[in-house]
Amino acid sequence: MIGQDGDVEKEDIQYDRDDFTATTTNKQLNFLQHIMSLTAVGGRAAVVLPDNVLFEGGAGEKIRRKLLDEFDLHTVLRLPTGIFYAGGVKANVLFFEKKPPRADGKPHTTDTWFYDLRTGRHFTLKQRPLTRAHLDDFVAAYRPGEPRSTRVESEDENGPFKKFGYDELIARDKVNLDITWMKDPALDDADSGLPPEVIAEEIVRDLQSALNEFTAIARSLGGEVDVPEAEVE
């Protein structure tokens, strides 16, 4: 399990609340459930969450189904590594609105727009920080204040803005919303121009992220795992 600080940690506390869809010891899933329960009809939320919330099975799948059915999960912003969490943990911003129950029983989410601000991007907290200017293209694609029907997917199929329909999302194994479609040019092009130290940093971050996820699985099965601290700058 990934804590607020991005560390993988074991948590024995289990929350059993009537307003929660699933009972779990995963604090991030419970945080999402808490936000969902607090959001009033007509309310809007934007929540920063690590990748495991998008793909974890069991309670995670139940919560994602509810999010798609009872809320309008209209946008997911995939953030670069290390922006909100330490230790190579990747995060996302989930944008959703709470709607009143539909008379026809159909889900409120029709389409979810994913913006990949991660693939091919290389930031660090001090030397190459993420700035407001890096979000300009996302804001333009999001079109705040305008109907979402005016949004347009990236012309390039390898572009950062892509739409997925409800039927496509709900049919994915365990309703996995950890969706990747872009290719990092640095992985295929040795002449991409990225300095070797940047490529090395990306490799370390990916390995640390994988270590965090495998450690979470091991601890959920009752194993005791010591995770070495790693910081990439």
C-alpha atoms as a PDB file:
ATOM      1  CA  MET A   1       0.000   0.000   0.000  1.00  0.00           C
ATOM      2  CA  ILE A   2       1.244   3.494  -0.801  1.00  0.00           C
ATOM      3  CA  GLY A   3       0.980   6.146   1.889  1.00  0.00           C
ATOM      4  CA  GLN A   4       0.449   9.879   1.518  1.00  0.00           C
ATOM      5  CA  ASP A   5       4.203  10.412   1.349  1.00  0.00           C
ATOM      6  CA  GLY A   6       4.609   7.892  -1.436  1.00  0.00           C
ATOM      7  CA  ASP A   7       6.173   5.222   0.767  1.00  0.00           C
ATOM      8  CA  VAL A   8       4.974   1.646   0.622  1.00  0.00           C
ATOM      9  CA  GLU A   9       3.789   0.693   4.057  1.00  0.00           C
ATOM     10  CA  LYS A  10       1.764  -1.934   5.840  1.00  0.00           C
ATOM     11  CA  GLU A  11      -1.526  -0.803   7.366  1.00  0.00           C
ATOM     12  CA  ASP A  12      -3.645  -3.031   9.572  1.00  0.00           C
ATOM     13  CA  ILE A  13      -6.506  -0.587  10.142  1.00  0.00           C
ATOM     14  CA  GLN A  14      -9.642  -1.488   8.227  1.00  0.00           C
ATOM     15  CA  TYR A  15     -12.460   1.000   7.845  1.00  0.00           C
ATOM     16  CA  ASP A  16     -16.031  -0.280   7.785  1.00  0.00           C
ATOM     17  CA  ARG A  17     -18.376   2.550   6.853  1.00  0.00           C
ATOM     18  CA  ASP A  18     -21.920   2.359   5.564  1.00  0.00           C
ATOM     19  CA  ASP A  19     -21.179   5.045   2.958  1.00  0.00           C
ATOM     20  CA  PHE A  20     -18.225   3.085   1.531  1.00  0.00           C
ATOM     21  CA  THR A  21     -18.687   0.681  -1.346  1.00  0.00           C
ATOM     22  CA  ALA A  22     -15.821  -1.570  -0.271  1.00  0.00           C
ATOM     23  CA  THR A  23     -14.008  -2.321   2.973  1.00  0.00           C
ATOM     24  CA  THR A  24     -10.248  -2.126   2.514  1.00  0.00           C
ATOM     25  CA  THR A  25      -7.044  -1.256   4.358  1.00  0.00           C
ATOM     26  CA  ASN A  26      -5.771   0.723   1.358  1.00  0.00           C
ATOM     27  CA  LYS A  27      -5.716   4.324   2.581  1.00  0.00           C
ATOM     28  CA  GLN A  28      -5.733   5.797  -0.920  1.00  0.00           C
ATOM     29  CA  LEU A  29      -8.808   3.822  -1.944  1.00  0.00           C
ATOM     30  CA  ASN A  30     -10.487   4.882   1.293  1.00  0.00           C
ATOM     31  CA  PHE A  31      -9.514   8.489   0.622  1.00  0.00           C
ATOM     32  CA  LEU A  32     -11.209   8.280  -2.765  1.00  0.00           C
ATOM     33  CA  GLN A  33     -14.298   6.695  -1.204  1.00  0.00           C
ATOM     34  CA  HIS A  34     -14.363   9.447   1.422  1.00  0.00           C
ATOM     35  CA  ILE A  35     -14.280  12.157  -1.263  1.00  0.00           C
ATOM     36  CA  MET A  36     -17.006  10.364  -3.222  1.00  0.00           C
ATOM     37  CA  SER A  37     -19.232  10.172  -0.129  1.00  0.00           C
ATOM     38  CA  LEU A  38     -18.694  13.858   0.722  1.00  0.00           C
ATOM     39  CA  THR A  39     -19.398  15.171  -2.773  1.00  0.00           C
ATOM     40  CA  ALA A  40     -22.916  16.560  -2.974  1.00  0.00           C
ATOM     41  CA  VAL A  41     -25.146  16.068  -5.993  1.00  0.00           C
ATOM     42  CA  GLY A  42     -23.968  18.583  -8.567  1.00  0.00           C
ATOM     43  CA  GLY A  43     -20.591  18.817  -6.848  1.00  0.00           C
ATOM     44  CA  ARG A  44     -17.235  18.534  -8.560  1.00  0.00           C
ATOM     45  CA  ALA A  45     -13.931  17.075  -7.396  1.00  0.00           C
ATOM     46  CA  ALA A  46     -10.327  16.824  -8.576  1.00  0.00           C
ATOM     47  CA  VAL A  47      -8.346  14.272  -6.568  1.00  0.00           C
ATOM     48  CA  VAL A  48      -4.634  13.402  -6.773  1.00  0.00           C
ATOM     49  CA  LEU A  49      -4.107   9.644  -6.430  1.00  0.00           C
ATOM     50  CA  PRO A  50      -1.294   7.159  -7.162  1.00  0.00           C
ATOM     51  CA  ASP A  51      -1.475   4.699 -10.050  1.00  0.00           C
ATOM     52  CA  ASN A  52      -2.417   1.724  -7.880  1.00  0.00           C
ATOM     53  CA  VAL A  53      -5.884   3.245  -7.342  1.00  0.00           C
ATOM     54  CA  LEU A  54      -6.443   2.863 -11.081  1.00  0.00           C
ATOM     55  CA  PHE A  55      -5.529  -0.817 -11.370  1.00  0.00           C
ATOM     56  CA  GLU A  56      -5.802  -2.558  -7.979  1.00  0.00           C
ATOM     57  CA  GLY A  57      -8.319  -5.403  -8.010  1.00  0.00           C
ATOM     58  CA  GLY A  58     -10.874  -6.413  -5.397  1.00  0.00           C
ATOM     59  CA  ALA A  59     -12.001  -3.293  -3.552  1.00  0.00           C
ATOM     60  CA  GLY A  60     -10.367  -1.116  -6.193  1.00  0.00           C
ATOM     61  CA  GLU A  61     -12.479  -2.631  -8.960  1.00  0.00           C
ATOM     62  CA  LYS A  62     -15.694  -2.126  -6.962  1.00  0.00           C
ATOM     63  CA  ILE A  63     -14.856   1.504  -6.283  1.00  0.00           C
ATOM     64  CA  ARG A  64     -13.976   2.235  -9.919  1.00  0.00           C
ATOM     65  CA  ARG A  65     -17.259   0.670 -11.076  1.00  0.00           C
ATOM     66  CA  LYS A  66     -19.161   2.936  -8.704  1.00  0.00           C
ATOM     67  CA  LEU A  67     -17.146   5.950  -9.830  1.00  0.00           C
ATOM     68  CA  LEU A  68     -18.017   5.270 -13.464  1.00  0.00           C
ATOM     69  CA  ASP A  69     -21.661   4.415 -12.798  1.00  0.00           C
ATOM     70  CA  GLU A  70     -22.752   6.929 -10.161  1.00  0.00           C
ATOM     71  CA  PHE A  71     -20.384   9.771 -11.036  1.00  0.00           C
ATOM     72  CA  ASP A  72     -19.239  11.359 -14.269  1.00  0.00           C
ATOM     73  CA  LEU A  73     -15.523  10.561 -14.368  1.00  0.00           C
ATOM     74  CA  HIS A  74     -14.854  12.855 -17.293  1.00  0.00           C
ATOM     75  CA  THR A  75     -11.083  13.468 -17.128  1.00  0.00           C
ATOM     76  CA  VAL A  76      -7.897  11.779 -15.912  1.00  0.00           C
ATOM     77  CA  LEU A  77      -4.625  13.710 -15.971  1.00  0.00           C
ATOM     78  CA  ARG A  78      -1.625  11.373 -15.868  1.00  0.00           C
ATOM     79  CA  LEU A  79       1.156  13.187 -14.032  1.00  0.00           C
ATOM     80  CA  PRO A  80       4.919  12.763 -14.324  1.00  0.00           C
ATOM     81  CA  THR A  81       6.767  10.704 -11.733  1.00  0.00           C
ATOM     82  CA  GLY A  82       7.674  12.331  -8.429  1.00  0.00           C
ATOM     83  CA  ILE A  83       5.427  15.397  -8.618  1.00  0.00           C
ATOM     84  CA  PHE A  84       3.189  14.646  -5.627  1.00  0.00           C
ATOM     85  CA  TYR A  85       4.734  11.434  -4.276  1.00  0.00           C
ATOM     86  CA  ALA A  86       8.280  10.424  -3.492  1.00  0.00           C
ATOM     87  CA  GLY A  87      10.105   7.225  -4.331  1.00  0.00           C
ATOM     88  CA  GLY A  88       9.183   6.965  -8.007  1.00  0.00           C
ATOM     89  CA  VAL A  89       5.422   6.747  -7.382  1.00  0.00           C
ATOM     90  CA  LYS A  90       3.325   7.923 -10.326  1.00  0.00           C
ATOM     91  CA  ALA A  91       0.163   9.919  -9.725  1.00  0.00           C
ATOM     92  CA  ASN A  92      -2.956  11.095 -11.524  1.00  0.00           C
ATOM     93  CA  VAL A  93      -5.613  13.745 -11.093  1.00  0.00           C
ATOM     94  CA  LEU A  94      -9.155  12.342 -11.327  1.00  0.00           C
ATOM     95  CA  PHE A  95     -11.827  14.891 -12.268  1.00  0.00           C
ATOM     96  CA  PHE A  96     -15.410  13.838 -11.604  1.00  0.00           C
ATOM     97  CA  GLU A  97     -18.879  15.171 -10.873  1.00  0.00           C
ATOM     98  CA  LYS A  98     -21.682  13.666  -8.803  1.00  0.00           C
ATOM     99  CA  LYS A  99     -25.012  13.338 -10.574  1.00  0.00           C
ATOM    100  CA  PRO A 100     -28.506  12.461  -9.298  1.00  0.00           C
ATOM    101  CA  PRO A 101     -29.676   8.885 -10.006  1.00  0.00           C
ATOM    102  CA  ARG A 102     -30.881   8.401 -13.560  1.00  0.00           C
ATOM    103  CA  ALA A 103     -34.427   7.153 -14.122  1.00  0.00           C
ATOM    104  CA  ASP A 104     -33.195   4.829 -16.870  1.00  0.00           C
ATOM    105  CA  GLY A 105     -30.496   3.347 -14.615  1.00  0.00           C
ATOM    106  CA  LYS A 106     -27.739   4.073 -17.134  1.00  0.00           C
ATOM    107  CA  PRO A 107     -24.246   5.079 -15.947  1.00  0.00           C
ATOM    108  CA  HIS A 108     -23.391   8.750 -15.653  1.00  0.00           C
ATOM    109  CA  THR A 109     -19.979   8.388 -17.279  1.00  0.00           C
ATOM    110  CA  THR A 110     -20.250   8.296 -21.048  1.00  0.00           C
ATOM    111  CA  ASP A 111     -16.655   9.158 -21.982  1.00  0.00           C
ATOM    112  CA  THR A 112     -13.472   9.635 -19.998  1.00  0.00           C
ATOM    113  CA  TRP A 113     -10.745  11.837 -21.448  1.00  0.00           C
ATOM    114  CA  PHE A 114      -7.168  10.903 -20.572  1.00  0.00           C
ATOM    115  CA  TYR A 115      -4.319  13.397 -20.881  1.00  0.00           C
ATOM    116  CA  ASP A 116      -0.820  11.904 -20.694  1.00  0.00           C
ATOM    117  CA  LEU A 117       1.544  14.465 -19.185  1.00  0.00           C
ATOM    118  CA  ARG A 118       3.921  11.624 -18.316  1.00  0.00           C
ATOM    119  CA  THR A 119       5.245   9.788 -21.368  1.00  0.00           C
ATOM    120  CA  GLY A 120       8.288  11.470 -22.830  1.00  0.00           C
ATOM    121  CA  ARG A 121       8.305  14.095 -20.063  1.00  0.00           C
ATOM    122  CA  HIS A 122      11.299  14.462 -17.774  1.00  0.00           C
ATOM    123  CA  PHE A 123      10.993  16.538 -14.608  1.00  0.00           C
ATOM    124  CA  THR A 124      12.699  16.666 -11.224  1.00  0.00           C
ATOM    125  CA  LEU A 125      11.679  18.624  -8.142  1.00  0.00           C
ATOM    126  CA  LYS A 126      14.631  21.040  -8.211  1.00  0.00           C
ATOM    127  CA  GLN A 127      16.617  21.027 -11.443  1.00  0.00           C
ATOM    128  CA  ARG A 128      13.729  20.553 -13.911  1.00  0.00           C
ATOM    129  CA  PRO A 129      10.529  21.356 -11.977  1.00  0.00           C
ATOM    130  CA  LEU A 130       7.059  21.170 -13.463  1.00  0.00           C
ATOM    131  CA  THR A 131       5.762  24.700 -14.074  1.00  0.00           C
ATOM    132  CA  ARG A 132       2.378  26.177 -14.925  1.00  0.00           C
ATOM    133  CA  ALA A 133       3.490  26.569 -18.530  1.00  0.00           C
ATOM    134  CA  HIS A 134       3.794  22.781 -18.835  1.00  0.00           C
ATOM    135  CA  LEU A 135       0.051  22.537 -18.123  1.00  0.00           C
ATOM    136  CA  ASP A 136      -0.999  25.020 -20.814  1.00  0.00           C
ATOM    137  CA  ASP A 137      -1.687  22.360 -23.435  1.00  0.00           C
ATOM    138  CA  PHE A 138      -3.754  20.299 -20.981  1.00  0.00           C
ATOM    139  CA  VAL A 139      -5.818  23.342 -19.979  1.00  0.00           C
ATOM    140  CA  ALA A 140      -6.406  24.177 -23.644  1.00  0.00           C
ATOM    141  CA  ALA A 141      -7.504  20.579 -24.336  1.00  0.00           C
ATOM    142  CA  TYR A 142      -9.674  20.505 -21.177  1.00  0.00           C
ATOM    143  CA  ARG A 143     -11.522  23.652 -22.324  1.00  0.00           C
ATOM    144  CA  PRO A 144     -12.702  24.862 -18.921  1.00  0.00           C
ATOM    145  CA  GLY A 145     -16.085  26.557 -19.002  1.00  0.00           C
ATOM    146  CA  GLU A 146     -16.969  24.983 -22.346  1.00  0.00           C
ATOM    147  CA  PRO A 147     -19.148  21.924 -23.064  1.00  0.00           C
ATOM    148  CA  ARG A 148     -17.071  18.741 -23.110  1.00  0.00           C
ATOM    149  CA  SER A 149     -18.640  17.983 -26.486  1.00  0.00           C
ATOM    150  CA  THR A 150     -16.273  20.610 -27.910  1.00  0.00           C
ATOM    151  CA  ARG A 151     -13.183  18.667 -26.863  1.00  0.00           C
ATOM    152  CA  VAL A 152     -11.042  17.159 -29.603  1.00  0.00           C
ATOM    153  CA  GLU A 153      -8.637  14.238 -29.419  1.00  0.00           C
ATOM    154  CA  SER A 154      -5.021  14.761 -30.429  1.00  0.00           C
ATOM    155  CA  GLU A 155      -4.627  14.524 -34.204  1.00  0.00           C
ATOM    156  CA  ASP A 156      -1.608  12.265 -33.788  1.00  0.00           C
ATOM    157  CA  GLU A 157      -2.649   8.818 -32.519  1.00  0.00           C
ATOM    158  CA  ASN A 158       0.426   9.013 -30.290  1.00  0.00           C
ATOM    159  CA  GLY A 159      -0.767  12.372 -28.960  1.00  0.00           C
ATOM    160  CA  PRO A 160      -1.452  13.088 -25.290  1.00  0.00           C
ATOM    161  CA  PHE A 161      -5.261  13.596 -25.327  1.00  0.00           C
ATOM    162  CA  LYS A 162      -7.444  10.551 -25.921  1.00  0.00           C
ATOM    163  CA  LYS A 163     -11.075   9.615 -25.221  1.00  0.00           C
ATOM    164  CA  PHE A 164     -12.339   6.237 -24.009  1.00  0.00           C
ATOM    165  CA  GLY A 165     -16.025   5.324 -23.896  1.00  0.00           C
ATOM    166  CA  TYR A 166     -17.770   3.812 -20.867  1.00  0.00           C
ATOM    167  CA  ASP A 167     -18.298   0.432 -22.544  1.00  0.00           C
ATOM    168  CA  GLU A 168     -14.612   0.235 -23.391  1.00  0.00           C
ATOM    169  CA  LEU A 169     -13.555   1.103 -19.839  1.00  0.00           C
ATOM    170  CA  ILE A 170     -15.990  -1.182 -18.027  1.00  0.00           C
ATOM    171  CA  ALA A 171     -14.961  -4.112 -20.253  1.00  0.00           C
ATOM    172  CA  ARG A 172     -11.295  -3.828 -19.285  1.00  0.00           C
ATOM    173  CA  ASP A 173      -9.954  -6.499 -16.919  1.00  0.00           C
ATOM    174  CA  LYS A 174     -10.840  -5.420 -13.351  1.00  0.00           C
ATOM    175  CA  VAL A 175     -11.987  -2.077 -14.839  1.00  0.00           C
ATOM    176  CA  ASN A 176      -8.318  -1.150 -15.078  1.00  0.00           C
ATOM    177  CA  LEU A 177      -8.016   2.593 -15.736  1.00  0.00           C
ATOM    178  CA  ASP A 178      -4.213   2.537 -15.812  1.00  0.00           C
ATOM    179  CA  ILE A 179      -4.198   3.197 -19.556  1.00  0.00           C
ATOM    180  CA  THR A 180      -1.083   3.869 -21.605  1.00  0.00           C
ATOM    181  CA  TRP A 181      -1.041   4.394 -25.356  1.00  0.00           C
ATOM    182  CA  MET A 182       1.842   6.784 -26.016  1.00  0.00           C
ATOM    183  CA  LYS A 183       5.375   5.704 -26.851  1.00  0.00           C
ATOM    184  CA  ASP A 184       8.335   7.437 -25.249  1.00  0.00           C
ATOM    185  CA  PRO A 185      10.620   8.472 -28.133  1.00  0.00           C
ATOM    186  CA  ALA A 186      13.614   8.186 -25.821  1.00  0.00           C
ATOM    187  CA  LEU A 187      13.040   4.425 -25.590  1.00  0.00           C
ATOM    188  CA  ASP A 188      13.104   3.898 -29.355  1.00  0.00           C
ATOM    189  CA  ASP A 189      15.420   6.623 -30.571  1.00  0.00           C
ATOM    190  CA  ALA A 190      19.016   6.548 -29.406  1.00  0.00           C
ATOM    191  CA  ASP A 191      19.444   9.975 -31.026  1.00  0.00           C
ATOM    192  CA  SER A 192      16.503  11.543 -29.167  1.00  0.00           C
ATOM    193  CA  GLY A 193      18.815  14.170 -27.705  1.00  0.00           C
ATOM    194  CA  LEU A 194      18.083  13.391 -24.045  1.00  0.00           C
ATOM    195  CA  PRO A 195      21.161  13.577 -21.840  1.00  0.00           C
ATOM    196  CA  PRO A 196      22.315  10.194 -20.515  1.00  0.00           C
ATOM    197  CA  GLU A 197      21.689  11.309 -16.924  1.00  0.00           C
ATOM    198  CA  VAL A 198      18.017  12.025 -17.744  1.00  0.00           C
ATOM    199  CA  ILE A 199      17.562   8.599 -19.299  1.00  0.00           C
ATOM    200  CA  ALA A 200      19.270   7.041 -16.266  1.00  0.00           C
ATOM    201  CA  GLU A 201      16.912   8.940 -13.937  1.00  0.00           C
ATOM    202  CA  GLU A 202      13.891   7.613 -15.827  1.00  0.00           C
ATOM    203  CA  ILE A 203      15.162   4.050 -15.521  1.00  0.00           C
ATOM    204  CA  VAL A 204      15.686   4.470 -11.769  1.00  0.00           C
ATOM    205  CA  ARG A 205      12.204   5.968 -11.337  1.00  0.00           C
ATOM    206  CA  ASP A 206      10.550   3.144 -13.271  1.00  0.00           C
ATOM    207  CA  LEU A 207      12.431   0.530 -11.257  1.00  0.00           C
ATOM    208  CA  GLN A 208      11.524   2.243  -7.975  1.00  0.00           C
ATOM    209  CA  SER A 209       7.868   2.446  -9.030  1.00  0.00           C
ATOM    210  CA  ALA A 210       7.842  -1.265  -9.876  1.00  0.00           C
ATOM    211  CA  LEU A 211       9.529  -2.037  -6.536  1.00  0.00           C
ATOM    212  CA  ASN A 212       6.849  -0.078  -4.671  1.00  0.00           C
ATOM    213  CA  GLU A 213       4.066  -1.979  -6.409  1.00  0.00           C
ATOM    214  CA  PHE A 214       5.614  -5.408  -5.834  1.00  0.00           C
ATOM    215  CA  THR A 215       6.326  -4.519  -2.203  1.00  0.00           C
ATOM    216  CA  ALA A 216       2.683  -3.529  -1.742  1.00  0.00           C
ATOM    217  CA  ILE A 217       1.615  -6.911  -3.087  1.00  0.00           C
ATOM    218  CA  ALA A 218       4.066  -8.772  -0.839  1.00  0.00           C
ATOM    219  CA  ARG A 219       2.913  -6.910   2.257  1.00  0.00           C
ATOM    220  CA  SER A 220      -0.747  -7.423   1.410  1.00  0.00           C
ATOM    221  CA  LEU A 221       0.028 -11.162   1.457  1.00  0.00           C
ATOM    222  CA  GLY A 222       1.543 -10.873   4.907  1.00  0.00           C
ATOM    223  CA  GLY A 223       5.185 -10.591   3.989  1.00  0.00           C
ATOM    224  CA  GLU A 224       7.638  -8.330   5.777  1.00  0.00           C
ATOM    225  CA  VAL A 225       9.641  -6.316   3.269  1.00  0.00           C
ATOM    226  CA  ASP A 226      12.208  -3.619   3.954  1.00  0.00           C
ATOM    227  CA  VAL A 227      12.151  -1.037   1.185  1.00  0.00           C
ATOM    228  CA  PRO A 228      15.355   0.960   0.658  1.00  0.00           C
ATOM    229  CA  GLU A 229      14.818   4.662   0.339  1.00  0.00           C
ATOM    230  CA  ALA A 230      15.639   6.108  -3.060  1.00  0.00           C
ATOM    231  CA  GLU A 231      15.682   9.710  -4.130  1.00  0.00           C
ATOM    232  CA  VAL A 232      16.270  10.862  -7.682  1.00  0.00           C
ATOM    233  CA  GLU A 233      16.991  14.527  -8.309  1.00  0.00           C
END
